[in-house]
Amino acid sequence: MITYDAGDTEMANTQKRKRGIIAVALLMILFGIVEIITAFTHNFVGISTTQGTLSAYTTAAVGSLYAIAGKVSILIQKLSL
């Protein structure tokens, strides 16, 4: 007969949650970098974006915030192990 310990299930759920958060954080970093590139090339998957200087710097700033938030999320997960 197999018995389950509540601690084992809780630990498995915690590991799944941490993997999910790390996956989302990696996507945040990737999308942030892509947004920074899009801001200065003014080209997103063949679609031309606004050519304005203010728009480019604003978009790059938002992209860098996405990337930084992703890095901080990964750092927090690694510190909470």
C-alpha atoms as a PDB file:
ATOM      1  CA  MET A   1       0.000   0.000   0.000  1.00  0.00           C
ATOM      2  CA  ILE A   2       1.350   3.434  -0.982  1.00  0.00           C
ATOM      3  CA  THR A   3       1.024   6.298   1.458  1.00  0.00           C
ATOM      4  CA  TYR A   4       1.653   9.919   0.655  1.00  0.00           C
ATOM      5  CA  ASP A   5       3.225  12.387   2.998  1.00  0.00           C
ATOM      6  CA  ALA A   6       1.756  15.870   2.870  1.00  0.00           C
ATOM      7  CA  GLY A   7       5.298  17.276   3.029  1.00  0.00           C
ATOM      8  CA  ASP A   8       6.253  15.468  -0.197  1.00  0.00           C
ATOM      9  CA  THR A   9       3.296  16.935  -2.072  1.00  0.00           C
ATOM     10  CA  GLU A  10       4.005  20.404  -0.726  1.00  0.00           C
ATOM     11  CA  MET A  11       7.658  20.145  -1.758  1.00  0.00           C
ATOM     12  CA  ALA A  12       6.698  18.982  -5.264  1.00  0.00           C
ATOM     13  CA  ASN A  13       4.262  21.899  -5.635  1.00  0.00           C
ATOM     14  CA  THR A  14       6.929  24.343  -4.457  1.00  0.00           C
ATOM     15  CA  GLN A  15       9.409  23.016  -7.026  1.00  0.00           C
ATOM     16  CA  LYS A  16       6.826  23.294  -9.821  1.00  0.00           C
ATOM     17  CA  ARG A  17       6.014  26.844  -8.765  1.00  0.00           C
ATOM     18  CA  LYS A  18       9.692  27.822  -8.744  1.00  0.00           C
ATOM     19  CA  ARG A  19      10.211  26.340 -12.216  1.00  0.00           C
ATOM     20  CA  GLY A  20       7.177  28.236 -13.476  1.00  0.00           C
ATOM     21  CA  ILE A  21       8.403  31.527 -12.036  1.00  0.00           C
ATOM     22  CA  ILE A  22      11.857  31.008 -13.541  1.00  0.00           C
ATOM     23  CA  ALA A  23      10.298  30.219 -16.940  1.00  0.00           C
ATOM     24  CA  VAL A  24       8.218  33.406 -16.819  1.00  0.00           C
ATOM     25  CA  ALA A  25      11.270  35.415 -15.683  1.00  0.00           C
ATOM     26  CA  LEU A  26      13.302  34.111 -18.632  1.00  0.00           C
ATOM     27  CA  LEU A  27      10.500  35.135 -20.995  1.00  0.00           C
ATOM     28  CA  MET A  28      10.435  38.589 -19.392  1.00  0.00           C
ATOM     29  CA  ILE A  29      14.159  38.953 -20.054  1.00  0.00           C
ATOM     30  CA  LEU A  30      13.773  37.740 -23.651  1.00  0.00           C
ATOM     31  CA  PHE A  31      10.817  40.019 -24.409  1.00  0.00           C
ATOM     32  CA  GLY A  32      12.564  42.962 -22.751  1.00  0.00           C
ATOM     33  CA  ILE A  33      15.605  42.508 -24.981  1.00  0.00           C
ATOM     34  CA  VAL A  34      13.391  42.174 -28.059  1.00  0.00           C
ATOM     35  CA  GLU A  35      11.561  45.364 -27.085  1.00  0.00           C
ATOM     36  CA  ILE A  36      14.860  47.238 -26.747  1.00  0.00           C
ATOM     37  CA  ILE A  37      15.956  46.013 -30.192  1.00  0.00           C
ATOM     38  CA  THR A  38      12.577  46.966 -31.671  1.00  0.00           C
ATOM     39  CA  ALA A  39      12.840  50.450 -30.162  1.00  0.00           C
ATOM     40  CA  PHE A  40      16.011  51.248 -32.097  1.00  0.00           C
ATOM     41  CA  THR A  41      15.453  49.284 -35.316  1.00  0.00           C
ATOM     42  CA  HIS A  42      11.805  50.436 -35.647  1.00  0.00           C
ATOM     43  CA  ASN A  43      10.941  47.033 -37.080  1.00  0.00           C
ATOM     44  CA  PHE A  44       8.876  44.365 -35.314  1.00  0.00           C
ATOM     45  CA  VAL A  45       8.304  41.172 -37.314  1.00  0.00           C
ATOM     46  CA  GLY A  46       8.066  43.141 -40.535  1.00  0.00           C
ATOM     47  CA  ILE A  47       5.828  45.837 -39.053  1.00  0.00           C
ATOM     48  CA  SER A  48       7.306  49.324 -38.964  1.00  0.00           C
ATOM     49  CA  THR A  49       7.013  51.144 -35.641  1.00  0.00           C
ATOM     50  CA  THR A  50       7.106  54.845 -34.782  1.00  0.00           C
ATOM     51  CA  GLN A  51      10.295  56.600 -35.907  1.00  0.00           C
ATOM     52  CA  GLY A  52      10.272  59.257 -33.160  1.00  0.00           C
ATOM     53  CA  THR A  53      13.236  59.675 -30.825  1.00  0.00           C
ATOM     54  CA  LEU A  54      11.107  60.041 -27.690  1.00  0.00           C
ATOM     55  CA  SER A  55       9.155  56.926 -28.612  1.00  0.00           C
ATOM     56  CA  ALA A  56      12.359  54.956 -29.166  1.00  0.00           C
ATOM     57  CA  TYR A  57      13.847  55.906 -25.795  1.00  0.00           C
ATOM     58  CA  THR A  58      10.564  55.308 -23.971  1.00  0.00           C
ATOM     59  CA  THR A  59      10.155  51.873 -25.542  1.00  0.00           C
ATOM     60  CA  ALA A  60      13.770  50.996 -24.750  1.00  0.00           C
ATOM     61  CA  ALA A  61      13.248  52.078 -21.132  1.00  0.00           C
ATOM     62  CA  VAL A  62      10.163  49.883 -20.795  1.00  0.00           C
ATOM     63  CA  GLY A  63      12.033  46.968 -22.373  1.00  0.00           C
ATOM     64  CA  SER A  64      14.923  47.388 -19.980  1.00  0.00           C
ATOM     65  CA  LEU A  65      12.480  47.435 -17.053  1.00  0.00           C
ATOM     66  CA  TYR A  66      11.006  44.137 -18.289  1.00  0.00           C
ATOM     67  CA  ALA A  67      14.481  42.601 -18.501  1.00  0.00           C
ATOM     68  CA  ILE A  68      15.522  43.921 -15.078  1.00  0.00           C
ATOM     69  CA  ALA A  69      12.304  42.614 -13.489  1.00  0.00           C
ATOM     70  CA  GLY A  70      12.996  39.185 -14.994  1.00  0.00           C
ATOM     71  CA  LYS A  71      16.544  39.177 -13.631  1.00  0.00           C
ATOM     72  CA  VAL A  72      15.320  40.227 -10.180  1.00  0.00           C
ATOM     73  CA  SER A  73      12.699  37.446 -10.227  1.00  0.00           C
ATOM     74  CA  ILE A  74      15.363  34.859 -10.993  1.00  0.00           C
ATOM     75  CA  LEU A  75      17.628  36.278  -8.289  1.00  0.00           C
ATOM     76  CA  ILE A  76      14.821  36.108  -5.725  1.00  0.00           C
ATOM     77  CA  GLN A  77      14.066  32.504  -6.656  1.00  0.00           C
ATOM     78  CA  LYS A  78      17.717  31.490  -6.364  1.00  0.00           C
ATOM     79  CA  LEU A  79      18.051  33.181  -2.966  1.00  0.00           C
ATOM     80  CA  SER A  80      14.922  31.500  -1.611  1.00  0.00           C
ATOM     81  CA  LEU A  81      16.164  27.959  -2.280  1.00  0.00           C
END
